[in-house]
Amino acid sequence: MQTIYIFGTRKGLAQIDFHATTGRFYAVFCNEKLGNYHSPEQAAADLAHGYTFSHSSGIDLTILGIPEDLEDWERISYDK
């Protein structure tokens, strides 16, 4: 079972994806990986505060209202 977290913003979709092959969580915005983390909580915090790699569009993630708390994200589980 794989779990991802998603949060829709006015400029696109923020995601936290888990990759079983690496055992890491990836912070993603508009399908672009912006960093990898040991926990989904750290990925969410870094997306919320703009502590990830910059998105190629140059958008400032901190103005999008991405929440730090995973309780505010939608959690999706699926079989892989």
Protein backbone atom coordinates (compact mmCIF):
# COMPACT_ATOMS: atom_id res chain seq x y z
CA MET A 1 0.00 0.00 0.00
CA GLN A 2 1.35 3.41 -1.01
CA THR A 3 0.22 6.69 0.53
CA ILE A 4 0.48 10.14 -0.95
CA TYR A 5 -0.71 13.48 0.33
CA ILE A 6 -2.16 16.18 -1.91
CA PHE A 7 -3.11 19.81 -1.41
CA GLY A 8 -4.65 21.95 -4.14
CA THR A 9 -3.54 25.56 -4.44
CA ARG A 10 -4.69 28.29 -6.81
CA LYS A 11 -1.51 27.75 -8.85
CA GLY A 12 -1.36 23.95 -8.90
CA LEU A 13 -1.18 20.73 -6.93
CA ALA A 14 1.27 20.16 -4.08
CA GLN A 15 2.03 16.51 -3.34
CA ILE A 16 4.07 14.41 -1.00
CA ASP A 17 4.87 11.09 -2.64
CA PHE A 18 6.49 8.04 -1.09
CA HIS A 19 8.95 6.02 -3.19
CA ALA A 20 9.41 2.50 -1.82
CA THR A 21 12.65 1.96 -3.76
CA THR A 22 14.38 4.81 -1.95
CA GLY A 23 12.32 4.79 1.25
CA ARG A 24 12.02 8.58 0.94
CA PHE A 25 9.18 11.07 0.71
CA TYR A 26 9.30 13.59 -2.15
CA ALA A 27 7.95 17.14 -2.03
CA VAL A 28 6.33 17.80 -5.41
CA PHE A 29 4.68 20.86 -6.91
CA CYS A 30 2.98 20.69 -10.32
CA ASN A 31 4.68 17.33 -11.02
CA GLU A 32 8.16 18.71 -10.28
CA LYS A 33 10.16 17.10 -7.46
CA LEU A 34 11.55 19.76 -5.14
CA GLY A 35 13.34 17.63 -2.54
CA ASN A 36 13.30 14.34 -0.67
CA TYR A 37 12.79 13.70 3.02
CA HIS A 38 12.78 11.05 5.75
CA SER A 39 9.18 11.89 6.73
CA PRO A 40 6.06 13.34 5.13
CA GLU A 41 5.84 15.85 7.99
CA GLN A 42 9.21 17.34 7.06
CA ALA A 43 8.25 17.49 3.38
CA ALA A 44 5.02 19.33 4.25
CA ALA A 45 6.84 21.78 6.52
CA ASP A 46 9.44 22.57 3.88
CA LEU A 47 6.80 23.06 1.17
CA ALA A 48 4.80 25.34 3.48
CA HIS A 49 7.82 27.48 4.38
CA GLY A 50 9.51 27.46 0.97
CA TYR A 51 12.58 25.50 2.13
CA THR A 52 12.57 23.23 -0.94
CA PHE A 53 14.43 23.58 -4.21
CA SER A 54 12.89 26.35 -6.33
CA HIS A 55 10.17 25.44 -8.78
CA SER A 56 11.17 26.00 -12.42
CA SER A 57 8.32 28.51 -12.84
CA GLY A 58 9.86 30.71 -10.15
CA ILE A 59 6.65 30.72 -8.10
CA ASP A 60 7.02 31.52 -4.41
CA LEU A 61 5.47 28.53 -2.63
CA THR A 62 5.07 30.48 0.60
CA ILE A 63 2.25 32.61 -0.85
CA LEU A 64 0.09 29.62 -1.78
CA GLY A 65 -1.17 28.71 1.69
CA ILE A 66 0.31 25.22 1.70
CA PRO A 67 -0.28 23.89 5.22
CA GLU A 68 2.50 22.51 7.39
CA ASP A 69 0.13 20.15 9.22
CA LEU A 70 -0.63 16.95 7.30
CA GLU A 71 -4.10 16.90 8.87
CA ASP A 72 -4.95 19.66 6.38
CA TRP A 73 -3.81 17.61 3.39
CA GLU A 74 -5.85 14.95 1.59
CA ARG A 75 -4.40 11.49 2.19
CA ILE A 76 -4.72 8.93 -0.60
CA SER A 77 -3.76 5.27 -0.20
CA TYR A 78 -3.57 2.88 -3.10
CA ASP A 79 -2.12 -0.49 -4.06
CA LYS A 80 1.05 -0.34 -6.11
